[in-house]
C-alpha atoms as a PDB file:
ATOM      1  CA  UNK A   1      10.711  -7.087   1.534  1.00  0.00           C
ATOM      2  CA  UNK A   2       9.808  -4.918  -1.442  1.00  0.00           C
ATOM      3  CA  UNK A   3       8.851  -1.240  -1.513  1.00  0.00           C
ATOM      4  CA  UNK A   4       7.851   1.218  -4.227  1.00  0.00           C
ATOM      5  CA  UNK A   5       9.332   4.709  -4.444  1.00  0.00           C
ATOM      6  CA  UNK A   6       6.531   6.787  -5.881  1.00  0.00           C
ATOM      7  CA  UNK A   7       8.067   9.829  -7.557  1.00  0.00           C
ATOM      8  CA  UNK A   8      11.274   8.219  -8.807  1.00  0.00           C
ATOM      9  CA  UNK A   9       9.443   5.189 -10.133  1.00  0.00           C
ATOM     10  CA  UNK A  10      11.727   2.754  -8.326  1.00  0.00           C
ATOM     11  CA  UNK A  11      11.154  -0.711  -6.929  1.00  0.00           C
ATOM     12  CA  UNK A  12      13.336  -1.481  -3.913  1.00  0.00           C
ATOM     13  CA  UNK A  13      14.375  -4.865  -2.593  1.00  0.00           C
ATOM     14  CA  UNK A  14      15.194  -4.825   1.124  1.00  0.00           C
ATOM     15  CA  UNK A  15      17.122  -7.626   2.785  1.00  0.00           C
ATOM     16  CA  UNK A  16      17.979  -8.339   6.391  1.00  0.00           C
ATOM     17  CA  UNK A  17      21.748  -8.423   7.014  1.00  0.00           C
ATOM     18  CA  UNK A  18      23.837  -9.622   9.905  1.00  0.00           C
ATOM     19  CA  UNK A  19      26.167  -6.670  10.213  1.00  0.00           C
ATOM     20  CA  UNK A  20      24.164  -3.630   9.116  1.00  0.00           C
ATOM     21  CA  UNK A  21      25.838  -0.385   8.101  1.00  0.00           C
ATOM     22  CA  UNK A  22      25.536   3.360   7.939  1.00  0.00           C
ATOM     23  CA  UNK A  23      22.169   5.077   7.804  1.00  0.00           C
ATOM     24  CA  UNK A  24      20.946   5.597   4.263  1.00  0.00           C
ATOM     25  CA  UNK A  25      20.786   9.020   2.621  1.00  0.00           C
ATOM     26  CA  UNK A  26      17.392   8.397   1.071  1.00  0.00           C
ATOM     27  CA  UNK A  27      18.705   7.610  -2.417  1.00  0.00           C
ATOM     28  CA  UNK A  28      17.171   4.143  -2.493  1.00  0.00           C
ATOM     29  CA  UNK A  29      20.532   2.407  -2.346  1.00  0.00           C
ATOM     30  CA  UNK A  30      21.721   3.089   1.178  1.00  0.00           C
ATOM     31  CA  UNK A  31      21.831   0.788   4.156  1.00  0.00           C
ATOM     32  CA  UNK A  32      20.524   0.951   7.682  1.00  0.00           C
ATOM     33  CA  UNK A  33      21.630  -1.153  10.641  1.00  0.00           C
ATOM     34  CA  UNK A  34      20.415  -4.669   9.971  1.00  0.00           C
ATOM     35  CA  UNK A  35      19.063  -4.004   6.458  1.00  0.00           C
ATOM     36  CA  UNK A  36      20.275  -3.258   2.944  1.00  0.00           C
ATOM     37  CA  UNK A  37      18.168  -1.767   0.160  1.00  0.00           C
ATOM     38  CA  UNK A  38      18.761  -2.133  -3.559  1.00  0.00           C
ATOM     39  CA  UNK A  39      16.978  -0.508  -6.492  1.00  0.00           C
ATOM     40  CA  UNK A  40      15.978  -3.343  -8.830  1.00  0.00           C
ATOM     41  CA  UNK A  41      13.699  -1.425 -11.208  1.00  0.00           C
ATOM     42  CA  UNK A  42      13.691   2.164 -12.482  1.00  0.00           C
ATOM     43  CA  UNK A  43      13.796   4.218 -15.641  1.00  0.00           C
ATOM     44  CA  UNK A  44      10.478   3.424 -17.328  1.00  0.00           C
ATOM     45  CA  UNK A  45       8.141   4.585 -14.608  1.00  0.00           C
ATOM     46  CA  UNK A  46       6.861   8.077 -13.949  1.00  0.00           C
ATOM     47  CA  UNK A  47       5.124   6.915 -10.766  1.00  0.00           C
ATOM     48  CA  UNK A  48       5.263   3.624  -8.873  1.00  0.00           C
ATOM     49  CA  UNK A  49       2.607   3.338  -6.181  1.00  0.00           C
ATOM     50  CA  UNK A  50       2.447  -0.150  -4.769  1.00  0.00           C
ATOM     51  CA  UNK A  51       3.756  -3.698  -4.889  1.00  0.00           C
ATOM     52  CA  UNK A  52       2.759  -7.168  -3.708  1.00  0.00           C
ATOM     53  CA  UNK A  53       3.996 -10.760  -4.080  1.00  0.00           C
ATOM     54  CA  UNK A  54       2.236 -14.081  -4.639  1.00  0.00           C
ATOM     55  CA  UNK A  55       4.809 -16.691  -3.631  1.00  0.00           C
ATOM     56  CA  UNK A  56       2.389 -19.556  -4.258  1.00  0.00           C
ATOM     57  CA  UNK A  57       1.434 -18.905  -7.894  1.00  0.00           C
ATOM     58  CA  UNK A  58       4.171 -16.541  -9.075  1.00  0.00           C
ATOM     59  CA  UNK A  59       7.329 -17.182  -7.054  1.00  0.00           C
ATOM     60  CA  UNK A  60      10.168 -14.699  -7.515  1.00  0.00           C
ATOM     61  CA  UNK A  61       7.912 -12.072  -9.093  1.00  0.00           C
ATOM     62  CA  UNK A  62       6.650  -8.768  -7.740  1.00  0.00           C
ATOM     63  CA  UNK A  63       3.436  -7.192  -9.013  1.00  0.00           C
ATOM     64  CA  UNK A  64       3.536  -3.392  -9.181  1.00  0.00           C
ATOM     65  CA  UNK A  65       1.097  -0.630 -10.143  1.00  0.00           C
ATOM     66  CA  UNK A  66       1.925   2.771 -11.538  1.00  0.00           C
ATOM     67  CA  UNK A  67       2.207   5.229 -14.402  1.00  0.00           C
ATOM     68  CA  UNK A  68       4.653   4.591 -17.236  1.00  0.00           C
ATOM     69  CA  UNK A  69       6.624   7.432 -18.814  1.00  0.00           C
ATOM     70  CA  UNK A  70       4.784   6.769 -22.084  1.00  0.00           C
ATOM     71  CA  UNK A  71       1.529   7.760 -20.352  1.00  0.00           C
ATOM     72  CA  UNK A  72       0.047   4.284 -19.775  1.00  0.00           C
ATOM     73  CA  UNK A  73      -1.394   3.220 -16.420  1.00  0.00           C
ATOM     74  CA  UNK A  74      -0.508  -0.408 -15.790  1.00  0.00           C
ATOM     75  CA  UNK A  75      -0.192  -3.305 -13.407  1.00  0.00           C
ATOM     76  CA  UNK A  76       3.015  -5.161 -14.213  1.00  0.00           C
ATOM     77  CA  UNK A  77       4.968  -8.259 -13.140  1.00  0.00           C
ATOM     78  CA  UNK A  78       8.651  -7.863 -12.280  1.00  0.00           C
ATOM     79  CA  UNK A  79      10.911 -10.969 -12.101  1.00  0.00           C
ATOM     80  CA  UNK A  80      13.180 -10.434  -9.089  1.00  0.00           C
ATOM     81  CA  UNK A  81      16.205 -12.077 -10.725  1.00  0.00           C
ATOM     82  CA  UNK A  82      15.791 -10.316 -14.089  1.00  0.00           C
ATOM     83  CA  UNK A  83      13.773  -7.146 -13.341  1.00  0.00           C
ATOM     84  CA  UNK A  84      14.525  -5.577 -16.708  1.00  0.00           C
ATOM     85  CA  UNK A  85      12.293  -8.218 -18.316  1.00  0.00           C
ATOM     86  CA  UNK A  86       9.171  -6.954 -16.538  1.00  0.00           C
ATOM     87  CA  UNK A  87       5.875  -7.334 -18.388  1.00  0.00           C
ATOM     88  CA  UNK A  88       2.513  -5.547 -18.402  1.00  0.00           C
ATOM     89  CA  UNK A  89      -0.208  -7.712 -16.888  1.00  0.00           C
ATOM     90  CA  UNK A  90      -3.101  -5.283 -17.424  1.00  0.00           C
ATOM     91  CA  UNK A  91      -3.900  -1.676 -18.250  1.00  0.00           C
ATOM     92  CA  UNK A  92      -6.007   0.506 -15.953  1.00  0.00           C
ATOM     93  CA  UNK A  93      -7.940   3.662 -16.808  1.00  0.00           C
ATOM     94  CA  UNK A  94      -6.289   5.647 -14.028  1.00  0.00           C
ATOM     95  CA  UNK A  95      -3.151   5.105 -11.991  1.00  0.00           C
ATOM     96  CA  UNK A  96      -3.375   2.295  -9.449  1.00  0.00           C
ATOM     97  CA  UNK A  97      -2.417   2.977  -5.862  1.00  0.00           C
ATOM     98  CA  UNK A  98      -2.782   0.202  -3.300  1.00  0.00           C
ATOM     99  CA  UNK A  99      -2.512  -3.393  -4.487  1.00  0.00           C
ATOM    100  CA  UNK A 100      -3.402  -6.729  -2.882  1.00  0.00           C
ATOM    101  CA  UNK A 101      -3.909 -10.390  -3.867  1.00  0.00           C
ATOM    102  CA  UNK A 102      -6.922 -12.490  -2.914  1.00  0.00           C
ATOM    103  CA  UNK A 103      -5.155 -15.678  -1.885  1.00  0.00           C
ATOM    104  CA  UNK A 104      -8.115 -17.992  -2.585  1.00  0.00           C
ATOM    105  CA  UNK A 105      -8.490 -16.942  -6.229  1.00  0.00           C
ATOM    106  CA  UNK A 106      -5.139 -15.352  -7.086  1.00  0.00           C
ATOM    107  CA  UNK A 107      -6.903 -12.245  -8.400  1.00  0.00           C
ATOM    108  CA  UNK A 108      -5.209  -8.885  -7.966  1.00  0.00           C
ATOM    109  CA  UNK A 109      -7.010  -5.766  -6.774  1.00  0.00           C
ATOM    110  CA  UNK A 110      -5.859  -2.180  -7.047  1.00  0.00           C
ATOM    111  CA  UNK A 111      -7.527   1.097  -6.100  1.00  0.00           C
ATOM    112  CA  UNK A 112      -7.205   4.476  -7.791  1.00  0.00           C
ATOM    113  CA  UNK A 113      -7.684   8.095  -6.846  1.00  0.00           C
ATOM    114  CA  UNK A 114      -8.906   8.747 -10.385  1.00  0.00           C
ATOM    115  CA  UNK A 115      -8.661  12.469 -11.085  1.00  0.00           C
ATOM    116  CA  UNK A 116      -8.902  13.184  -7.343  1.00  0.00           C
ATOM    117  CA  UNK A 117     -12.442  14.491  -7.812  1.00  0.00           C
ATOM    118  CA  UNK A 118     -15.472  13.003  -6.023  1.00  0.00           C
ATOM    119  CA  UNK A 119     -16.843  10.127  -8.057  1.00  0.00           C
ATOM    120  CA  UNK A 120     -13.651   9.504 -10.023  1.00  0.00           C
ATOM    121  CA  UNK A 121     -12.244   6.850  -7.689  1.00  0.00           C
ATOM    122  CA  UNK A 122     -12.425   3.200  -8.706  1.00  0.00           C
ATOM    123  CA  UNK A 123     -11.336  -0.332  -7.834  1.00  0.00           C
ATOM    124  CA  UNK A 124      -9.921  -2.690 -10.476  1.00  0.00           C
ATOM    125  CA  UNK A 125      -9.705  -6.493 -10.570  1.00  0.00           C
ATOM    126  CA  UNK A 126      -7.045  -8.317 -12.574  1.00  0.00           C
ATOM    127  CA  UNK A 127      -6.769 -12.045 -13.236  1.00  0.00           C
ATOM    128  CA  UNK A 128      -3.007 -12.585 -13.650  1.00  0.00           C
ATOM    129  CA  UNK A 129      -3.483 -15.794 -15.632  1.00  0.00           C
ATOM    130  CA  UNK A 130      -1.946 -15.445 -19.061  1.00  0.00           C
ATOM    131  CA  UNK A 131      -2.317 -14.019 -21.641  1.00  0.00           C
ATOM    132  CA  UNK A 132      -1.329 -10.652 -20.196  1.00  0.00           C
ATOM    133  CA  UNK A 133      -1.836  -7.167 -21.547  1.00  0.00           C
ATOM    134  CA  UNK A 134      -5.610  -6.741 -21.472  1.00  0.00           C
ATOM    135  CA  UNK A 135      -7.787  -4.159 -19.765  1.00  0.00           C
ATOM    136  CA  UNK A 136      -8.445  -4.532 -16.044  1.00  0.00           C
ATOM    137  CA  UNK A 137     -12.011  -5.259 -14.951  1.00  0.00           C
ATOM    138  CA  UNK A 138     -13.815  -2.593 -12.921  1.00  0.00           C
ATOM    139  CA  UNK A 139     -15.228  -3.722  -9.578  1.00  0.00           C
ATOM    140  CA  UNK A 140     -16.391  -0.278  -8.484  1.00  0.00           C
ATOM    141  CA  UNK A 141     -16.492   3.212  -9.889  1.00  0.00           C
ATOM    142  CA  UNK A 142     -17.993   6.578  -8.958  1.00  0.00           C
ATOM    143  CA  UNK A 143     -16.497   6.486  -5.466  1.00  0.00           C
ATOM    144  CA  UNK A 144     -14.286   9.018  -3.720  1.00  0.00           C
ATOM    145  CA  UNK A 145     -10.546   9.037  -4.527  1.00  0.00           C
ATOM    146  CA  UNK A 146      -9.361   5.635  -3.263  1.00  0.00           C
ATOM    147  CA  UNK A 147      -5.936   5.042  -1.807  1.00  0.00           C
ATOM    148  CA  UNK A 148      -4.848   1.940   0.078  1.00  0.00           C
ATOM    149  CA  UNK A 149      -6.702  -1.343   0.300  1.00  0.00           C
ATOM    150  CA  UNK A 150      -6.469  -4.586   2.241  1.00  0.00           C
ATOM    151  CA  UNK A 151      -8.097  -8.018   2.079  1.00  0.00           C
ATOM    152  CA  UNK A 152      -9.358 -10.007   5.032  1.00  0.00           C
ATOM    153  CA  UNK A 153      -8.448 -13.385   3.550  1.00  0.00           C
ATOM    154  CA  UNK A 154     -10.529 -15.440   6.002  1.00  0.00           C
ATOM    155  CA  UNK A 155     -13.736 -13.491   5.400  1.00  0.00           C
ATOM    156  CA  UNK A 156     -13.045 -12.563   1.750  1.00  0.00           C
ATOM    157  CA  UNK A 157     -13.651  -8.890   2.495  1.00  0.00           C
ATOM    158  CA  UNK A 158     -11.955  -6.175   0.485  1.00  0.00           C
ATOM    159  CA  UNK A 159     -11.441  -2.908   2.388  1.00  0.00           C
ATOM    160  CA  UNK A 160     -10.653   0.222   0.362  1.00  0.00           C
ATOM    161  CA  UNK A 161      -9.599   3.479   1.987  1.00  0.00           C
ATOM    162  CA  UNK A 162     -11.211   6.649   0.636  1.00  0.00           C
ATOM    163  CA  UNK A 163      -8.410   9.125   1.127  1.00  0.00           C
ATOM    164  CA  UNK A 164     -10.135  12.540   1.530  1.00  0.00           C
ATOM    165  CA  UNK A 165     -12.956  11.296   3.760  1.00  0.00           C
ATOM    166  CA  UNK A 166     -10.944   8.669   5.724  1.00  0.00           C
ATOM    167  CA  UNK A 167     -13.874   6.280   5.184  1.00  0.00           C
ATOM    168  CA  UNK A 168     -13.663   2.596   4.277  1.00  0.00           C
ATOM    169  CA  UNK A 169     -15.514   1.162   1.279  1.00  0.00           C
ATOM    170  CA  UNK A 170     -16.106  -2.566   1.814  1.00  0.00           C
ATOM    171  CA  UNK A 171     -16.761  -5.306  -0.746  1.00  0.00           C
ATOM    172  CA  UNK A 172     -17.496  -9.021  -0.323  1.00  0.00           C
ATOM    173  CA  UNK A 173     -15.314 -10.911  -2.811  1.00  0.00           C
ATOM    174  CA  UNK A 174     -17.299 -14.154  -2.502  1.00  0.00           C
ATOM    175  CA  UNK A 175     -20.743 -12.632  -2.923  1.00  0.00           C
ATOM    176  CA  UNK A 176     -19.291 -10.017  -5.305  1.00  0.00           C
ATOM    177  CA  UNK A 177     -21.411  -7.383  -3.629  1.00  0.00           C
ATOM    178  CA  UNK A 178     -20.809  -4.037  -1.952  1.00  0.00           C
ATOM    179  CA  UNK A 179     -21.178  -4.251   1.814  1.00  0.00           C
ATOM    180  CA  UNK A 180     -21.159  -0.483   2.340  1.00  0.00           C
ATOM    181  CA  UNK A 181     -19.058   2.573   3.140  1.00  0.00           C
ATOM    182  CA  UNK A 182     -18.192   3.034   6.795  1.00  0.00           C
ATOM    183  CA  UNK A 183     -16.746   5.920   8.833  1.00  0.00           C
ATOM    184  CA  UNK A 184     -13.094   5.797   9.791  1.00  0.00           C
ATOM    185  CA  UNK A 185     -10.792   8.428  11.233  1.00  0.00           C
ATOM    186  CA  UNK A 186     -12.129  11.504  12.989  1.00  0.00           C
ATOM    187  CA  UNK A 187     -11.289  14.800  11.287  1.00  0.00           C
ATOM    188  CA  UNK A 188     -11.086  17.057  14.357  1.00  0.00           C
ATOM    189  CA  UNK A 189      -7.542  17.929  15.394  1.00  0.00           C
ATOM    190  CA  UNK A 190      -5.836  17.130  12.120  1.00  0.00           C
ATOM    191  CA  UNK A 191      -2.956  19.279  10.953  1.00  0.00           C
ATOM    192  CA  UNK A 192      -4.643  19.991   7.625  1.00  0.00           C
ATOM    193  CA  UNK A 193      -8.299  20.423   6.702  1.00  0.00           C
ATOM    194  CA  UNK A 194      -8.852  16.703   6.439  1.00  0.00           C
ATOM    195  CA  UNK A 195      -7.454  13.511   7.938  1.00  0.00           C
ATOM    196  CA  UNK A 196      -6.168  11.883   4.778  1.00  0.00           C
ATOM    197  CA  UNK A 197      -5.871   8.169   5.468  1.00  0.00           C
ATOM    198  CA  UNK A 198      -3.235   6.539   3.296  1.00  0.00           C
ATOM    199  CA  UNK A 199      -2.555   2.806   3.019  1.00  0.00           C
ATOM    200  CA  UNK A 200      -3.506   0.493   5.875  1.00  0.00           C
ATOM    201  CA  UNK A 201      -3.533  -3.092   7.120  1.00  0.00           C
ATOM    202  CA  UNK A 202      -5.471  -5.242   9.583  1.00  0.00           C
ATOM    203  CA  UNK A 203      -4.402  -6.117  13.093  1.00  0.00           C
ATOM    204  CA  UNK A 204      -3.171  -9.739  12.744  1.00  0.00           C
ATOM    205  CA  UNK A 205      -4.477 -10.562  16.230  1.00  0.00           C
ATOM    206  CA  UNK A 206      -7.880  -9.012  15.536  1.00  0.00           C
ATOM    207  CA  UNK A 207      -8.940  -8.725  11.893  1.00  0.00           C
ATOM    208  CA  UNK A 208     -11.796  -6.431  12.888  1.00  0.00           C
ATOM    209  CA  UNK A 209      -9.307  -3.640  13.629  1.00  0.00           C
ATOM    210  CA  UNK A 210      -7.772  -1.469  10.893  1.00  0.00           C
ATOM    211  CA  UNK A 211      -4.282  -0.019  11.418  1.00  0.00           C
ATOM    212  CA  UNK A 212      -3.785   3.025   9.197  1.00  0.00           C
ATOM    213  CA  UNK A 213      -1.104   5.465   8.114  1.00  0.00           C
ATOM    214  CA  UNK A 214      -2.480   8.986   8.619  1.00  0.00           C
ATOM    215  CA  UNK A 215      -0.507  10.938   6.032  1.00  0.00           C
ATOM    216  CA  UNK A 216      -1.691  14.418   7.019  1.00  0.00           C
ATOM    217  CA  UNK A 217      -1.333  13.814  10.749  1.00  0.00           C
ATOM    218  CA  UNK A 218       2.133  12.226  10.965  1.00  0.00           C
ATOM    219  CA  UNK A 219       0.726   9.334  12.948  1.00  0.00           C
ATOM    220  CA  UNK A 220      -0.371   5.706  12.893  1.00  0.00           C
ATOM    221  CA  UNK A 221      -3.898   5.081  14.216  1.00  0.00           C
ATOM    222  CA  UNK A 222      -6.319   2.191  14.566  1.00  0.00           C
ATOM    223  CA  UNK A 223     -10.102   1.936  14.483  1.00  0.00           C
ATOM    224  CA  UNK A 224     -12.709  -0.815  14.038  1.00  0.00           C
ATOM    225  CA  UNK A 225     -13.816  -2.023  10.649  1.00  0.00           C
ATOM    226  CA  UNK A 226     -17.553  -1.348  10.208  1.00  0.00           C
ATOM    227  CA  UNK A 227     -17.198   1.638  12.540  1.00  0.00           C
ATOM    228  CA  UNK A 228     -20.584   3.248  13.357  1.00  0.00           C
ATOM    229  CA  UNK A 229     -19.163   6.780  13.392  1.00  0.00           C
ATOM    230  CA  UNK A 230     -15.930   8.610  12.638  1.00  0.00           C
ATOM    231  CA  UNK A 231     -13.480   8.309  15.495  1.00  0.00           C
ATOM    232  CA  UNK A 232     -15.320   5.416  17.158  1.00  0.00           C
ATOM    233  CA  UNK A 233     -12.819   3.588  19.407  1.00  0.00           C
ATOM    234  CA  UNK A 234     -10.013   5.252  17.463  1.00  0.00           C
ATOM    235  CA  UNK A 235      -6.568   4.774  19.023  1.00  0.00           C
ATOM    236  CA  UNK A 236      -3.390   6.775  18.482  1.00  0.00           C
ATOM    237  CA  UNK A 237      -0.645   4.163  18.174  1.00  0.00           C
ATOM    238  CA  UNK A 238       2.374   6.184  17.106  1.00  0.00           C
ATOM    239  CA  UNK A 239       3.253   9.842  16.573  1.00  0.00           C
ATOM    240  CA  UNK A 240       6.245  12.139  16.812  1.00  0.00           C
ATOM    241  CA  UNK A 241       8.653   9.781  15.055  1.00  0.00           C
ATOM    242  CA  UNK A 242       7.077   9.397  11.591  1.00  0.00           C
ATOM    243  CA  UNK A 243       6.729  12.005   8.844  1.00  0.00           C
ATOM    244  CA  UNK A 244       4.039  11.701   6.201  1.00  0.00           C
ATOM    245  CA  UNK A 245       3.436   7.940   6.686  1.00  0.00           C
ATOM    246  CA  UNK A 246       2.086   6.324   3.542  1.00  0.00           C
ATOM    247  CA  UNK A 247       1.928   2.633   4.366  1.00  0.00           C
ATOM    248  CA  UNK A 248       1.999   0.194   7.286  1.00  0.00           C
ATOM    249  CA  UNK A 249       2.757  -3.532   7.038  1.00  0.00           C
ATOM    250  CA  UNK A 250       3.374  -6.242   9.627  1.00  0.00           C
ATOM    251  CA  UNK A 251       6.501  -8.348   9.249  1.00  0.00           C
ATOM    252  CA  UNK A 252       6.055 -11.769   7.690  1.00  0.00           C
ATOM    253  CA  UNK A 253       8.127 -13.589  10.288  1.00  0.00           C
ATOM    254  CA  UNK A 254      10.430 -14.840   7.504  1.00  0.00           C
ATOM    255  CA  UNK A 255      13.791 -13.573   6.316  1.00  0.00           C
ATOM    256  CA  UNK A 256      14.430 -11.621   9.497  1.00  0.00           C
ATOM    257  CA  UNK A 257      11.295  -9.456   9.224  1.00  0.00           C
ATOM    258  CA  UNK A 258       9.788 -10.053  12.653  1.00  0.00           C
ATOM    259  CA  UNK A 259       6.044 -10.712  12.783  1.00  0.00           C
ATOM    260  CA  UNK A 260       5.898  -8.524  15.905  1.00  0.00           C
ATOM    261  CA  UNK A 261       7.275  -5.506  13.980  1.00  0.00           C
ATOM    262  CA  UNK A 262       5.271  -2.921  12.052  1.00  0.00           C
ATOM    263  CA  UNK A 263       7.083  -1.527   9.007  1.00  0.00           C
ATOM    264  CA  UNK A 264       6.134   2.049   8.095  1.00  0.00           C
ATOM    265  CA  UNK A 265       6.990   3.920   4.905  1.00  0.00           C
ATOM    266  CA  UNK A 266       7.232   7.717   4.759  1.00  0.00           C
ATOM    267  CA  UNK A 267       6.054   9.491   1.649  1.00  0.00           C
ATOM    268  CA  UNK A 268       7.162  13.102   1.653  1.00  0.00           C
ATOM    269  CA  UNK A 269       5.501  15.696  -0.510  1.00  0.00           C
ATOM    270  CA  UNK A 270       3.222  15.198  -3.479  1.00  0.00           C
ATOM    271  CA  UNK A 271       5.574  16.362  -6.208  1.00  0.00           C
ATOM    272  CA  UNK A 272       9.275  16.681  -5.360  1.00  0.00           C
ATOM    273  CA  UNK A 273      11.297  13.630  -6.472  1.00  0.00           C
ATOM    274  CA  UNK A 274      14.499  15.170  -5.085  1.00  0.00           C
ATOM    275  CA  UNK A 275      13.499  14.906  -1.442  1.00  0.00           C
ATOM    276  CA  UNK A 276      15.778  12.543   0.463  1.00  0.00           C
ATOM    277  CA  UNK A 277      14.600  12.847   4.060  1.00  0.00           C
ATOM    278  CA  UNK A 278      12.051  10.030   4.061  1.00  0.00           C
ATOM    279  CA  UNK A 279      12.510   6.481   5.262  1.00  0.00           C
ATOM    280  CA  UNK A 280      11.124   3.009   5.838  1.00  0.00           C
ATOM    281  CA  UNK A 281      10.949   2.412   9.575  1.00  0.00           C
ATOM    282  CA  UNK A 282      10.642  -0.686  11.725  1.00  0.00           C
ATOM    283  CA  UNK A 283       8.578  -0.320  14.889  1.00  0.00           C
ATOM    284  CA  UNK A 284       9.857  -3.259  16.877  1.00  0.00           C
ATOM    285  CA  UNK A 285       7.480  -5.210  19.111  1.00  0.00           C
ATOM    286  CA  UNK A 286       4.515  -3.180  17.861  1.00  0.00           C
ATOM    287  CA  UNK A 287       2.192  -6.178  18.180  1.00  0.00           C
ATOM    288  CA  UNK A 288       3.176  -6.580  21.815  1.00  0.00           C
ATOM    289  CA  UNK A 289       2.968  -2.873  22.639  1.00  0.00           C
ATOM    290  CA  UNK A 290      -0.304  -2.199  20.836  1.00  0.00           C
END
């Protein structure tokens, strides 16, 4: 499993181990029972905000999005066995956040919060066929600040989370047409003024259900895609044990990452790279419980 550490600009490789070890201290190189984590990329990145793999077309590479220390916003490819030889695949106008691959075409999609002002959000499309280093194509612009995104591979639907409104912007990748923007999480009862929905995934048993990390509410919640109103059939799945959740992902079923487990990353504050209290958690048997 791979994970991006936003403020330190690190890419982590996490492996399942037989013996386990002591709980990590949050420095990116600690171990937890059953897992070890290793920093395989750092130094050139001011921010690193997402990663994804395409084992079919680009085995042993990880695609990442972020902000380089030289000021460039890029999507890059990182060879796992020689990460220092990473290469820029495409430049984006603003910093990418979530990132996914459309399996049928191999195209990469990344969302951006823009300048975090209404209308500055966007969605980019990148064809990772060489040559690399060009400008990413723009699928959508003038939307709210966009955070996570997910692709329903069977229906070729791209879901993009609009962070401040907790709505979901939806795009048909086959028809190359906007389906619409739909309500998501309900705002009432949130700790802050808004229910900021961070990255999310789909329920593998029911692709019509979105499972989301609610960053401002310290919880994981689910709700239907194409919801008719905010809070419609919303379910609280987990709270009290996660702090500032930023992403949720189901295990692949390979390499010891159980398909019944939900892996949750915690994100901490917006601007303190020295925080060490945040973790990546495994919620065992989540698919059975939920």
